[in-house]
Amino acid sequence: MTTNNIIYVCQSGTCRSKGSSATLVEIEELAKHVDTDCQVQRSGCLGYCRQGPAVEVIQAKSKRIVKRRYHVKINTLQKSASVIEDATGETLPMEHNLPEETKARLANVRATKQREYFMLTYQWNKALAGFTTNSESSIAKNHQTIRDVLGRAGYPDLNPCDIIKKDDPPLQLTTMPSCIDITHHTAIFHFETNDPKRGTPHPRGRARLAEPITWHVTMLAEVGSNNEGPLPWVERDYTPISSALEWERGRCAILIKIYDGGVLSTWLNDKTSPASFVGSGSGSNTDMKSISIWLSKPIKTLTVPSLIADDDDGFRPNSVLLLLAGTGIVALPQILAHKEPHRLLGISVPKYKQMNCPIDLIHSCHEDDVLLLQEIKQYCLDGVSPRPNRKFRGLRNYTLLITRSASHNDGVQPPFQQAFNDDKEAINYRAILKGVPNASIRSSRLNKNVIADAVERLEGSYRIVVSGPDSYNNAARGFLEECGVDSKSVTILSA
């Protein structure tokens, strides 16, 4: 009976930002030093985003998986070696026994790959962070590389040797929020810009057709001095809930949850006091011209309709199941927009790339933080019956899984609780979904039985997309494995 050892190295955005591209190169290099046959492959998200780079080790006999293990924080050569040893059972030469040339090359690869990812996703502060911990002689050695990063970040005249001394360099403001709507924990920030360089998620023209994708942006907020790098801002990735067509018109809406201790979200919350929204109805305007925020050009998240992070592999699902939790729900509007690309996205898409299959959603959230429910209700009504030629709009089935609010568990008052106490009522999810035939509500967490029922309703070849906090993603992946779902049919996104 043949035993195959396969090592999957996560290449999702979060793990790549932590150096998984270099981890892949290291493990490939180290695998050459063992006699046992060992395959090393890249993979999509493994669900351990906050502990990346993540690696999955699979041992299979006659194509049947007999062992599956996960390794996290594989960010050194020694940890990469431990993955090889776990997969093959063979002891590798210790790091100090490897040729100096090999060690130097791999160390350079790790630094370069991580910096390349940060630059590709407009995260200049993190791209520079590695240099600022070095001596001035080391900075001088990497003078041109630092100058290239500074130039792309908008600081072409800044001396690389001064980046560790610069407290508050000017930040060019290209876009600003104009108003927000709030729930107990989250805010929807609306942005407007006239910047002609903002780009588009769907470049087209000159005989070039638009590629259907979902997308995200990197937000840079000028919070002042911070420990993430030498520049006075922090960088976070967000998926807009507005469409690509709105982006092209200079508008963008982003849903942001205010986390206790979150640098960017706390800063936004401090700049927009909840008191300004009391008595304001569904939302209010406020003067936020003093806030400096920059949004990057759109960055691809998933290829449509295959719903994978890589380039289109030709797979066309007959049905799709979305398992979304918390702010992971932001993936929904963009995916559903591809059911009507011409009307909602302003692009023409060939039939074979259109998202015409039925889509089911299992939505997990706390009772005081049910997001986008009015929009989801409309999606459900749109999906009650298929249109001619089995073109499904909206959602075919929707299951809302409700758990008690987090504030009941930890005693912490949500950031926007007072506004709701004084002027608003909490979202009455039962009243909103009453009479919607394809919507159901359960007071439950995600579990194996819920997933098994949903998978049973899927038609033909399918894709399952999971997006939520790490704990949710890990649990969902485990339940899917128990239900016999092939991991190749699953895409996991960090929320």
Protein backbone atom coordinates (compact mmCIF):
# COMPACT_ATOMS: atom_id res chain seq x y z
CA MET A 1 0.00 0.00 0.00
CA THR A 2 1.58 3.28 -1.14
CA THR A 3 1.94 6.09 1.39
CA ASN A 4 2.00 9.65 0.10
CA ASN A 5 3.13 12.63 2.15
CA ILE A 6 1.73 15.97 1.06
CA ILE A 7 2.52 19.32 2.62
CA TYR A 8 0.16 22.20 1.86
CA VAL A 9 1.48 25.69 2.57
CA CYS A 10 -1.21 28.36 2.89
CA GLN A 11 -0.88 31.18 0.35
CA SER A 12 -3.89 33.26 1.38
CA GLY A 13 -3.45 36.98 1.85
CA THR A 14 -3.05 36.93 5.63
CA CYS A 15 -0.48 34.13 5.64
CA ARG A 16 1.41 35.71 2.75
CA SER A 17 1.60 38.93 4.75
CA LYS A 18 3.34 36.88 7.44
CA GLY A 19 5.83 35.32 5.04
CA SER A 20 4.19 32.12 3.79
CA SER A 21 5.65 32.61 0.30
CA ALA A 22 9.07 32.20 1.88
CA THR A 23 7.84 29.28 3.99
CA LEU A 24 6.84 27.54 0.76
CA VAL A 25 10.31 28.08 -0.72
CA GLU A 26 12.00 26.90 2.50
CA ILE A 27 9.97 23.71 2.73
CA GLU A 28 10.52 22.95 -0.96
CA GLU A 29 14.27 23.42 -0.45
CA LEU A 30 14.40 21.31 2.71
CA ALA A 31 12.33 18.53 1.14
CA LYS A 32 15.24 17.90 -1.22
CA HIS A 33 17.32 16.71 1.77
CA VAL A 34 15.07 13.72 2.59
CA ASP A 35 14.84 10.39 0.79
CA THR A 36 11.12 9.83 1.38
CA ASP A 37 8.84 11.03 -1.40
CA CYS A 38 7.23 14.23 -0.18
CA GLN A 39 5.06 16.58 -2.23
CA VAL A 40 4.96 20.27 -1.38
CA GLN A 41 2.04 22.29 -2.72
CA ARG A 42 0.51 25.71 -2.21
CA SER A 43 -3.03 25.90 -0.82
CA GLY A 44 -5.81 28.34 -0.07
CA CYS A 45 -6.68 29.50 3.44
CA LEU A 46 -6.37 26.78 6.10
CA GLY A 47 -8.28 28.76 8.73
CA TYR A 48 -5.37 29.73 11.00
CA CYS A 49 -5.01 33.30 9.76
CA ARG A 50 -4.00 34.88 13.06
CA GLN A 51 -1.36 32.18 13.58
CA GLY A 52 0.14 32.18 10.09
CA PRO A 53 2.07 31.09 8.20
CA ALA A 54 0.00 27.90 8.41
CA VAL A 55 0.88 24.47 6.99
CA GLU A 56 -1.17 21.30 6.60
CA VAL A 57 0.51 17.88 6.58
CA ILE A 58 -1.41 14.98 5.04
CA GLN A 59 -0.45 11.33 5.04
CA ALA A 60 -2.50 9.22 2.62
CA LYS A 61 -2.54 5.54 1.75
CA SER A 62 -4.00 4.55 -1.62
CA LYS A 63 -5.56 8.01 -1.95
CA ARG A 64 -7.24 7.69 1.48
CA ILE A 65 -6.24 10.26 4.08
CA VAL A 66 -5.06 8.53 7.25
CA LYS A 67 -3.52 11.51 9.08
CA ARG A 68 -4.03 15.25 8.86
CA ARG A 69 -2.11 17.70 11.03
CA TYR A 70 -1.69 21.47 11.09
CA HIS A 71 1.35 23.56 11.95
CA VAL A 72 1.16 27.29 12.68
CA LYS A 73 3.60 30.19 12.94
CA ILE A 74 6.06 28.55 10.55
CA ASN A 75 8.20 31.66 10.31
CA THR A 76 11.74 30.33 10.73
CA LEU A 77 13.94 27.84 8.91
CA GLN A 78 13.96 25.58 11.98
CA LYS A 79 10.14 25.46 12.07
CA SER A 80 10.02 24.66 8.36
CA ALA A 81 12.41 21.78 9.05
CA SER A 82 10.11 20.49 11.80
CA VAL A 83 7.25 20.32 9.25
CA ILE A 84 9.38 18.15 6.95
CA GLU A 85 10.30 15.89 9.85
CA ASP A 86 6.64 15.54 10.86
CA ALA A 87 5.60 14.69 7.30
CA THR A 88 8.35 12.19 6.53
CA GLY A 89 9.61 10.95 9.88
CA GLU A 90 13.16 11.73 8.76
CA THR A 91 15.52 13.99 10.70
CA LEU A 92 16.94 16.84 8.68
CA PRO A 93 20.38 18.34 9.14
CA MET A 94 20.22 20.98 11.85
CA GLU A 95 20.18 24.56 10.67
CA HIS A 96 23.83 25.08 11.57
CA ASN A 97 24.79 22.10 9.37
CA LEU A 98 23.21 23.58 6.26
CA PRO A 99 25.58 25.34 3.86
CA GLU A 100 26.01 29.01 4.74
CA GLU A 101 25.07 29.92 1.19
CA THR A 102 21.75 28.06 1.53
CA LYS A 103 20.95 29.71 4.88
CA ALA A 104 21.75 33.17 3.55
CA ARG A 105 19.69 32.61 0.41
CA LEU A 106 16.66 31.37 2.34
CA ALA A 107 16.88 34.24 4.82
CA ASN A 108 16.98 36.70 1.94
CA VAL A 109 14.03 34.96 0.26
CA ARG A 110 11.92 35.27 3.42
CA ALA A 111 12.59 39.00 3.77
CA THR A 112 12.11 39.68 0.06
CA LYS A 113 8.90 37.67 -0.36
CA GLN A 114 7.24 39.30 2.62
CA ARG A 115 8.24 42.78 1.48
CA GLU A 116 6.99 42.08 -2.05
CA TYR A 117 3.58 41.12 -0.70
CA PHE A 118 3.33 44.25 1.42
CA MET A 119 4.24 46.42 -1.55
CA LEU A 120 1.78 44.61 -3.82
CA THR A 121 -1.02 45.34 -1.33
CA TYR A 122 0.01 48.95 -0.59
CA GLN A 123 1.18 48.24 2.96
CA TRP A 124 4.22 50.51 2.92
CA ASN A 125 4.62 50.80 6.67
CA LYS A 126 4.94 47.03 7.10
CA ALA A 127 7.24 46.83 4.09
CA LEU A 128 9.61 49.25 5.82
CA ALA A 129 9.30 47.80 9.32
CA GLY A 130 12.00 45.18 8.83
CA PHE A 131 14.60 47.79 7.96
CA THR A 132 13.99 50.06 10.94
CA THR A 133 15.06 47.39 13.43
CA ASN A 134 18.49 47.21 11.81
CA SER A 135 21.53 49.39 12.27
CA GLU A 136 22.11 52.47 10.11
CA SER A 137 24.81 50.53 8.26
CA SER A 138 22.22 47.90 7.33
CA ILE A 139 19.79 50.61 6.23
CA ALA A 140 22.54 52.10 4.11
CA LYS A 141 23.16 48.68 2.56
CA ASN A 142 19.48 48.48 1.56
CA HIS A 143 19.32 52.16 0.63
CA GLN A 144 17.88 51.66 -2.87
CA THR A 145 15.27 49.13 -1.77
CA ILE A 146 14.06 51.47 0.99
CA ARG A 147 14.01 54.39 -1.43
CA ASP A 148 11.85 52.35 -3.84
CA VAL A 149 9.34 51.61 -1.06
CA LEU A 150 9.29 55.24 0.08
CA GLY A 151 8.77 56.42 -3.49
CA ARG A 152 5.77 54.15 -4.00
CA ALA A 153 4.41 55.23 -0.60
CA GLY A 154 4.50 58.87 -1.68
CA TYR A 155 7.75 59.93 0.03
CA PRO A 156 10.27 60.13 -2.85
CA ASP A 157 12.28 62.89 -1.16
CA LEU A 158 12.57 61.26 2.26
CA ASN A 159 16.08 60.07 3.14
CA PRO A 160 16.01 56.33 3.96
CA CYS A 161 18.33 56.97 6.90
CA ASP A 162 15.72 59.32 8.39
CA ILE A 163 12.75 56.96 8.40
CA ILE A 164 13.33 55.89 12.00
CA LYS A 165 13.39 59.56 13.08
CA LYS A 166 10.42 60.86 11.12
CA ASP A 167 7.44 61.33 13.47
CA ASP A 168 4.80 62.98 11.32
CA PRO A 169 5.56 63.20 7.59
CA PRO A 170 2.74 64.67 5.47
CA LEU A 171 0.12 62.22 4.19
CA GLN A 172 -1.70 63.07 1.01
CA LEU A 173 -5.45 62.74 1.55
CA THR A 174 -7.13 61.05 -1.39
CA THR A 175 -10.46 60.07 0.14
CA MET A 176 -12.46 60.77 3.31
CA PRO A 177 -15.53 59.37 5.08
CA SER A 178 -18.66 61.52 5.00
CA CYS A 179 -21.13 59.64 7.22
CA ILE A 180 -21.73 56.40 9.06
CA ASP A 181 -24.63 54.18 10.07
CA ILE A 182 -24.26 52.17 13.27
CA THR A 183 -25.31 48.95 14.95
CA HIS A 184 -24.23 47.99 18.46
CA HIS A 185 -20.70 47.03 17.40
CA THR A 186 -20.19 48.15 13.82
CA ALA A 187 -20.16 51.21 11.62
CA ILE A 188 -20.65 51.60 7.88
CA PHE A 189 -18.26 54.26 6.64
CA HIS A 190 -19.09 55.97 3.35
CA PHE A 191 -16.18 57.35 1.33
CA GLU A 192 -16.06 59.66 -1.65
CA THR A 193 -13.14 60.65 -3.85
CA ASN A 194 -12.38 62.41 -7.12
CA ASP A 195 -8.94 60.84 -7.43
CA PRO A 196 -8.58 59.70 -11.08
CA LYS A 197 -5.91 57.18 -10.02
CA ARG A 198 -8.26 55.13 -7.86
CA GLY A 199 -8.35 52.34 -10.46
CA THR A 200 -11.12 49.79 -10.90
CA PRO A 201 -11.69 46.19 -9.76
CA HIS A 202 -12.47 45.31 -13.40
CA PRO A 203 -9.94 46.86 -15.82
CA ARG A 204 -11.25 46.72 -19.38
CA GLY A 205 -11.22 48.44 -22.74
CA ARG A 206 -9.00 48.29 -25.84
CA ALA A 207 -10.29 44.81 -26.71
CA ARG A 208 -9.82 43.68 -23.10
CA LEU A 209 -12.80 42.10 -21.31
CA ALA A 210 -13.30 42.65 -17.60
CA GLU A 211 -12.32 39.72 -15.38
CA PRO A 212 -15.05 38.92 -12.83
CA ILE A 213 -13.59 38.98 -9.32
CA THR A 214 -14.43 39.91 -5.76
CA TRP A 215 -12.04 42.45 -4.27
CA HIS A 216 -10.81 44.31 -1.23
CA VAL A 217 -8.81 47.43 -0.47
CA THR A 218 -6.09 48.35 2.00
CA MET A 219 -7.03 51.23 4.26
CA LEU A 220 -4.26 53.50 5.57
CA ALA A 221 -5.23 55.62 8.57
CA GLU A 222 -2.97 58.36 9.92
CA VAL A 223 -3.05 57.42 13.58
CA GLY A 224 0.39 58.89 14.36
CA SER A 225 3.40 57.07 15.78
CA ASN A 226 2.82 53.31 16.13
CA ASN A 227 4.78 50.09 16.53
CA GLU A 228 3.86 48.66 13.10
CA GLY A 229 6.48 50.63 11.18
CA PRO A 230 8.21 54.00 10.80
CA LEU A 231 5.41 55.83 8.98
CA PRO A 232 2.54 57.50 10.90
CA TRP A 233 -0.24 55.20 9.76
CA VAL A 234 -1.58 51.69 10.16
CA GLU A 235 -2.83 49.48 7.34
CA ARG A 236 -5.78 47.08 7.30
CA ASP A 237 -7.57 45.13 4.57
CA TYR A 238 -11.32 45.64 4.14
CA THR A 239 -13.91 44.27 1.71
CA PRO A 240 -16.32 47.03 0.60
CA ILE A 241 -20.02 46.24 0.77
CA SER A 242 -20.63 48.63 -2.12
CA SER A 243 -20.20 47.51 -5.71
CA ALA A 244 -17.37 47.93 -8.18
CA LEU A 245 -19.64 50.24 -10.15
CA GLU A 246 -19.93 52.53 -7.12
CA TRP A 247 -16.15 52.50 -6.78
CA GLU A 248 -15.77 53.62 -10.38
CA ARG A 249 -18.17 56.47 -9.61
CA GLY A 250 -15.97 57.57 -6.71
CA ARG A 251 -18.01 56.09 -3.86
CA CYS A 252 -17.27 53.28 -1.45
CA ALA A 253 -18.96 51.86 1.68
CA ILE A 254 -16.99 49.79 4.19
CA LEU A 255 -18.38 47.98 7.22
CA ILE A 256 -15.99 48.12 10.17
CA LYS A 257 -16.38 46.44 13.54
CA ILE A 258 -14.98 48.39 16.47
CA TYR A 259 -12.67 46.06 18.39
CA ASP A 260 -11.46 46.73 21.90
CA GLY A 261 -7.77 47.47 21.46
CA GLY A 262 -7.96 47.53 17.66
CA VAL A 263 -5.62 50.33 16.57
CA LEU A 264 -7.47 51.48 13.44
CA SER A 265 -11.05 50.76 14.52
CA THR A 266 -10.53 52.36 17.94
CA TRP A 267 -9.01 55.41 16.28
CA LEU A 268 -12.04 55.73 13.98
CA ASN A 269 -14.35 55.33 16.94
CA ASP A 270 -12.53 58.05 18.89
CA LYS A 271 -12.69 60.40 15.90
CA THR A 272 -16.44 59.86 15.47
CA SER A 273 -17.99 60.00 18.91
CA PRO A 274 -21.21 57.96 19.24
CA ALA A 275 -22.82 61.01 20.86
CA SER A 276 -23.00 62.69 17.45
CA PHE A 277 -25.42 60.01 16.23
CA VAL A 278 -27.96 60.11 19.05
CA GLY A 279 -31.37 61.03 17.67
CA SER A 280 -30.18 60.73 14.11
CA GLY A 281 -32.41 57.95 12.81
CA SER A 282 -30.73 55.43 10.51
CA GLY A 283 -27.55 57.45 10.13
CA SER A 284 -26.11 60.92 10.33
CA ASN A 285 -23.60 63.25 8.76
CA THR A 286 -20.64 64.55 10.66
CA ASP A 287 -17.65 66.73 9.86
CA MET A 288 -14.72 64.37 9.45
CA LYS A 289 -12.46 66.56 7.30
CA SER A 290 -9.69 66.39 9.89
CA ILE A 291 -9.34 62.63 9.45
CA SER A 292 -6.68 61.49 6.99
CA ILE A 293 -7.50 58.16 5.37
CA TRP A 294 -6.27 56.60 2.15
CA LEU A 295 -7.76 53.66 0.30
CA SER A 296 -5.61 51.61 -2.05
CA LYS A 297 -6.52 50.53 -5.54
CA PRO A 298 -8.73 47.39 -5.58
CA ILE A 299 -6.98 44.07 -4.91
CA LYS A 300 -8.39 40.72 -6.06
CA THR A 301 -9.84 38.44 -3.37
CA LEU A 302 -11.56 35.66 -5.34
CA THR A 303 -11.94 34.66 -8.97
CA VAL A 304 -15.57 34.38 -10.13
CA PRO A 305 -17.39 32.04 -10.69
CA SER A 306 -14.94 29.43 -9.34
CA LEU A 307 -14.64 31.40 -6.05
CA ILE A 308 -10.98 30.57 -5.46
CA ALA A 309 -8.10 32.84 -4.55
CA ASP A 310 -5.97 31.73 -7.50
CA ASP A 311 -6.50 32.42 -11.19
CA ASP A 312 -9.50 30.84 -12.88
CA ASP A 313 -9.08 27.05 -12.94
CA GLY A 314 -12.07 26.42 -15.20
CA PHE A 315 -14.26 25.04 -12.40
CA ARG A 316 -17.92 26.07 -12.69
CA PRO A 317 -19.97 25.22 -9.58
CA ASN A 318 -23.54 23.99 -9.99
CA SER A 319 -24.33 25.37 -6.54
CA VAL A 320 -22.64 27.41 -3.81
CA LEU A 321 -22.86 27.35 -0.01
CA LEU A 322 -21.68 30.38 1.96
CA LEU A 323 -20.78 29.93 5.65
CA LEU A 324 -20.34 33.48 6.92
CA ALA A 325 -19.96 34.79 10.46
CA GLY A 326 -19.66 38.28 11.93
CA THR A 327 -18.08 40.75 9.53
CA GLY A 328 -17.44 37.85 7.15
CA ILE A 329 -20.89 38.72 5.79
CA VAL A 330 -19.21 41.48 3.72
CA ALA A 331 -18.31 38.81 1.15
CA LEU A 332 -22.01 38.36 0.29
CA PRO A 333 -22.89 41.56 -1.65
CA GLN A 334 -19.92 41.25 -3.98
CA ILE A 335 -20.58 37.59 -4.78
CA LEU A 336 -24.27 38.17 -5.46
CA ALA A 337 -23.52 41.21 -7.64
CA HIS A 338 -22.00 38.80 -10.16
CA LYS A 339 -25.44 37.33 -10.78
CA GLU A 340 -26.25 40.55 -12.66
CA PRO A 341 -22.85 41.89 -13.74
CA HIS A 342 -24.13 44.25 -16.41
CA ARG A 343 -26.67 46.01 -14.17
CA LEU A 344 -24.81 45.93 -10.86
CA LEU A 345 -21.16 46.04 -11.94
CA GLY A 346 -21.32 47.75 -15.32
CA ILE A 347 -19.34 44.98 -17.03
CA SER A 348 -20.07 42.45 -19.76
CA VAL A 349 -19.19 38.89 -18.79
CA PRO A 350 -19.28 35.80 -21.06
CA LYS A 351 -21.95 33.26 -20.10
CA TYR A 352 -19.40 30.69 -18.98
CA LYS A 353 -18.07 33.15 -16.40
CA GLN A 354 -21.41 34.26 -15.01
CA MET A 355 -22.59 33.34 -11.50
CA ASN A 356 -25.92 31.75 -12.45
CA CYS A 357 -26.04 28.87 -9.98
CA PRO A 358 -28.18 28.80 -6.80
CA ILE A 359 -26.50 30.14 -3.64
CA ASP A 360 -27.38 29.18 -0.06
CA LEU A 361 -26.23 31.13 3.00
CA ILE A 362 -25.72 30.10 6.62
CA HIS A 363 -25.17 33.30 8.59
CA SER A 364 -23.84 33.16 12.17
CA CYS A 365 -23.91 36.22 14.44
CA HIS A 366 -24.66 37.58 17.89
CA GLU A 367 -28.19 38.80 18.54
CA ASP A 368 -27.07 42.43 18.94
CA ASP A 369 -24.84 42.47 15.87
CA VAL A 370 -26.93 41.12 12.99
CA LEU A 371 -25.44 42.79 9.94
CA LEU A 372 -26.99 43.65 6.56
CA LEU A 373 -30.26 41.90 7.42
CA GLN A 374 -32.51 44.20 5.38
CA GLU A 375 -30.31 43.62 2.34
CA ILE A 376 -30.31 39.86 2.98
CA LYS A 377 -34.11 39.87 3.17
CA GLN A 378 -34.22 41.37 -0.32
CA TYR A 379 -31.72 38.80 -1.57
CA CYS A 380 -34.02 36.06 -0.22
CA LEU A 381 -37.07 37.53 -1.94
CA ASP A 382 -35.11 37.79 -5.20
CA GLY A 383 -34.22 34.13 -4.92
CA VAL A 384 -37.67 32.71 -4.17
CA SER A 385 -38.00 31.36 -7.69
CA PRO A 386 -35.52 31.03 -10.53
CA ARG A 387 -35.81 33.21 -13.61
CA PRO A 388 -36.07 31.75 -17.14
CA ASN A 389 -33.22 29.40 -18.12
CA ARG A 390 -32.61 28.65 -14.41
CA LYS A 391 -30.89 31.96 -13.79
CA PHE A 392 -30.97 32.30 -10.02
CA ARG A 393 -30.95 35.75 -8.49
CA GLY A 394 -30.33 36.46 -4.83
CA LEU A 395 -30.30 33.62 -2.30
CA ARG A 396 -32.05 30.28 -2.69
CA ASN A 397 -31.97 29.45 1.06
CA TYR A 398 -30.96 31.51 4.09
CA THR A 399 -30.36 30.23 7.62
CA LEU A 400 -29.67 32.72 10.42
CA LEU A 401 -27.86 31.21 13.42
CA ILE A 402 -28.24 33.44 16.47
CA THR A 403 -26.22 33.34 19.70
CA ARG A 404 -26.31 35.60 22.74
CA SER A 405 -24.54 38.92 22.50
CA ALA A 406 -20.87 39.04 23.43
CA SER A 407 -21.60 41.75 26.00
CA HIS A 408 -23.66 39.22 27.97
CA ASN A 409 -20.62 37.02 28.15
CA ASP A 410 -17.88 39.47 29.09
CA GLY A 411 -19.79 42.37 30.67
CA VAL A 412 -18.30 44.90 28.23
CA GLN A 413 -20.70 47.49 26.80
CA PRO A 414 -20.67 47.59 22.98
CA PRO A 415 -19.20 50.82 21.54
CA PHE A 416 -22.51 52.10 20.13
CA GLN A 417 -24.81 50.73 22.85
CA GLN A 418 -25.74 54.15 24.20
CA ALA A 419 -27.02 55.37 20.83
CA PHE A 420 -29.39 52.42 20.69
CA ASN A 421 -30.47 52.83 24.30
CA ASP A 422 -31.37 56.48 23.73
CA ASP A 423 -32.86 56.52 20.27
CA LYS A 424 -32.92 53.20 18.48
CA GLU A 425 -34.23 49.71 18.90
CA ALA A 426 -32.08 46.65 18.41
CA ILE A 427 -32.61 44.87 15.12
CA ASN A 428 -35.74 42.71 15.35
CA TYR A 429 -34.52 39.93 13.14
CA ARG A 430 -37.62 37.79 13.62
CA ALA A 431 -39.94 40.59 12.50
CA ILE A 432 -37.74 41.43 9.50
CA LEU A 433 -37.66 37.82 8.24
CA LYS A 434 -41.31 37.06 9.03
CA GLY A 435 -43.08 35.79 5.93
CA VAL A 436 -39.88 35.24 3.93
CA PRO A 437 -40.40 31.69 2.65
CA ASN A 438 -36.77 30.73 2.09
CA ALA A 439 -35.41 32.14 5.37
CA SER A 440 -35.18 30.35 8.72
CA ILE A 441 -33.83 31.27 12.16
CA ARG A 442 -32.16 28.99 14.69
CA SER A 443 -30.84 29.80 18.15
CA SER A 444 -27.69 27.81 17.69
CA ARG A 445 -24.05 27.91 16.79
CA LEU A 446 -22.77 26.38 13.60
CA ASN A 447 -22.59 22.60 14.00
CA LYS A 448 -22.16 19.41 11.99
CA ASN A 449 -25.90 18.78 11.59
CA VAL A 450 -26.56 22.26 10.19
CA ILE A 451 -23.77 21.84 7.65
CA ALA A 452 -24.80 18.27 6.74
CA ASP A 453 -28.34 19.46 5.96
CA ALA A 454 -27.02 22.32 3.84
CA VAL A 455 -24.55 20.14 1.92
CA GLU A 456 -27.31 17.63 1.17
CA ARG A 457 -29.28 20.40 -0.61
CA LEU A 458 -26.38 21.34 -2.87
CA GLU A 459 -26.61 20.34 -6.52
CA GLY A 460 -23.86 18.67 -8.53
CA SER A 461 -20.32 19.97 -8.17
CA TYR A 462 -20.27 22.74 -5.59
CA ARG A 463 -18.11 25.36 -3.92
CA ILE A 464 -18.27 26.19 -0.21
CA VAL A 465 -16.93 29.56 0.94
CA VAL A 466 -16.17 30.10 4.63
CA SER A 467 -15.47 33.54 6.07
CA GLY A 468 -15.38 34.60 9.71
CA PRO A 469 -13.08 34.84 12.72
CA ASP A 470 -10.33 32.24 13.03
CA SER A 471 -12.25 30.19 15.62
CA TYR A 472 -15.28 30.04 13.32
CA ASN A 473 -13.20 29.11 10.26
CA ASN A 474 -11.45 26.32 12.17
CA ALA A 475 -14.74 24.93 13.47
CA ALA A 476 -16.37 25.12 10.02
CA ARG A 477 -13.46 23.33 8.39
CA GLY A 478 -13.66 20.57 10.99
CA PHE A 479 -17.41 20.11 10.50
CA LEU A 480 -16.97 20.00 6.72
CA GLU A 481 -14.30 17.30 7.06
CA GLU A 482 -16.64 15.28 9.29
CA CYS A 483 -19.33 15.59 6.61
CA GLY A 484 -16.94 14.17 4.02
CA VAL A 485 -16.53 17.40 2.04
CA ASP A 486 -13.38 17.45 -0.09
CA SER A 487 -11.08 20.26 1.05
CA LYS A 488 -10.57 21.19 -2.62
CA SER A 489 -14.22 22.27 -2.73
CA VAL A 490 -13.73 24.70 0.16
CA THR A 491 -12.43 28.28 0.09
CA ILE A 492 -11.67 29.91 3.45
CA LEU A 493 -11.33 33.66 3.93
CA SER A 494 -10.26 35.58 7.00
CA ALA A 495 -12.71 38.20 8.28
